[in-house]
Amino acid sequence: MFGTEKINLCVEQGYEMKRPSLIHIRAEEIESKNNIRLGEKVESIADGKWNVR
């Protein structure tokens, strides 16, 4: 999915609601598996598998 490139993003959200926050996202392929991480005061609300076509 990502090839040899790592993806690093910082997403801003909640500004219109006056509850600003930042979400840091990192995605990379490790041992032929996609590894996606979210961070910075994020509350996990779900887990599972993604089937990417």
C-alpha atoms as a PDB file:
ATOM      1  CA  MET A   1       0.000   0.000   0.000  1.00  0.00           C
ATOM      2  CA  PHE A   2       2.700   2.517   0.993  1.00  0.00           C
ATOM      3  CA  GLY A   3       5.676   0.974  -0.771  1.00  0.00           C
ATOM      4  CA  THR A   4       8.929   2.135   0.762  1.00  0.00           C
ATOM      5  CA  GLU A   5       7.545   5.545   1.729  1.00  0.00           C
ATOM      6  CA  LYS A   6       6.486   6.441   5.244  1.00  0.00           C
ATOM      7  CA  ILE A   7       3.516   8.760   5.671  1.00  0.00           C
ATOM      8  CA  ASN A   8       3.509  11.341   8.480  1.00  0.00           C
ATOM      9  CA  LEU A   9       0.532  13.687   8.858  1.00  0.00           C
ATOM     10  CA  CYS A  10      -0.721  16.163  11.425  1.00  0.00           C
ATOM     11  CA  VAL A  11      -4.483  16.732  11.165  1.00  0.00           C
ATOM     12  CA  GLU A  12      -6.247  19.681  12.797  1.00  0.00           C
ATOM     13  CA  GLN A  13      -9.842  19.246  13.863  1.00  0.00           C
ATOM     14  CA  GLY A  14     -12.534  20.753  16.085  1.00  0.00           C
ATOM     15  CA  TYR A  15     -11.752  24.417  15.424  1.00  0.00           C
ATOM     16  CA  GLU A  16     -15.290  25.321  14.346  1.00  0.00           C
ATOM     17  CA  MET A  17     -16.628  23.673  17.530  1.00  0.00           C
ATOM     18  CA  LYS A  18     -14.094  25.638  19.626  1.00  0.00           C
ATOM     19  CA  ARG A  19     -12.473  22.326  20.696  1.00  0.00           C
ATOM     20  CA  PRO A  20      -9.258  22.356  18.676  1.00  0.00           C
ATOM     21  CA  SER A  21      -7.013  19.324  18.661  1.00  0.00           C
ATOM     22  CA  LEU A  22      -4.264  17.743  16.615  1.00  0.00           C
ATOM     23  CA  ILE A  23      -4.099  14.136  15.490  1.00  0.00           C
ATOM     24  CA  HIS A  24      -0.729  12.736  14.456  1.00  0.00           C
ATOM     25  CA  ILE A  25      -0.840   9.918  11.931  1.00  0.00           C
ATOM     26  CA  ARG A  26       2.029   7.669  10.850  1.00  0.00           C
ATOM     27  CA  ALA A  27       1.685   4.924   8.249  1.00  0.00           C
ATOM     28  CA  GLU A  28       4.326   2.555   6.919  1.00  0.00           C
ATOM     29  CA  GLU A  29       4.813  -0.976   5.726  1.00  0.00           C
ATOM     30  CA  ILE A  30       6.599  -3.256   8.194  1.00  0.00           C
ATOM     31  CA  GLU A  31       7.347  -6.873   7.272  1.00  0.00           C
ATOM     32  CA  SER A  32       4.778  -6.786   4.420  1.00  0.00           C
ATOM     33  CA  LYS A  33       2.049  -5.471   6.753  1.00  0.00           C
ATOM     34  CA  ASN A  34       0.571  -1.971   6.859  1.00  0.00           C
ATOM     35  CA  ASN A  35       1.184  -0.273  10.195  1.00  0.00           C
ATOM     36  CA  ILE A  36      -1.006   2.776  10.903  1.00  0.00           C
ATOM     37  CA  ARG A  37      -0.600   4.710  14.151  1.00  0.00           C
ATOM     38  CA  LEU A  38      -2.647   7.559  15.595  1.00  0.00           C
ATOM     39  CA  GLY A  39      -1.456   9.669  18.483  1.00  0.00           C
ATOM     40  CA  GLU A  40      -1.841  12.732  20.693  1.00  0.00           C
ATOM     41  CA  LYS A  41      -4.780  12.513  23.013  1.00  0.00           C
ATOM     42  CA  VAL A  42      -6.852  10.337  20.712  1.00  0.00           C
ATOM     43  CA  GLU A  43      -9.480   8.105  22.239  1.00  0.00           C
ATOM     44  CA  SER A  44      -9.839   4.759  20.528  1.00  0.00           C
ATOM     45  CA  ILE A  45     -13.430   4.149  19.479  1.00  0.00           C
ATOM     46  CA  ALA A  46     -13.012   1.161  17.160  1.00  0.00           C
ATOM     47  CA  ASP A  47     -10.628  -1.509  15.955  1.00  0.00           C
ATOM     48  CA  GLY A  48     -10.603  -3.989  13.132  1.00  0.00           C
ATOM     49  CA  LYS A  49      -9.128  -4.766   9.740  1.00  0.00           C
ATOM     50  CA  TRP A  50      -9.139  -2.691   6.567  1.00  0.00           C
ATOM     51  CA  ASN A  51      -9.392  -4.412   3.220  1.00  0.00           C
ATOM     52  CA  VAL A  52      -7.697  -2.133   0.702  1.00  0.00           C
ATOM     53  CA  ARG A  53      -8.404  -2.815  -2.943  1.00  0.00           C
END
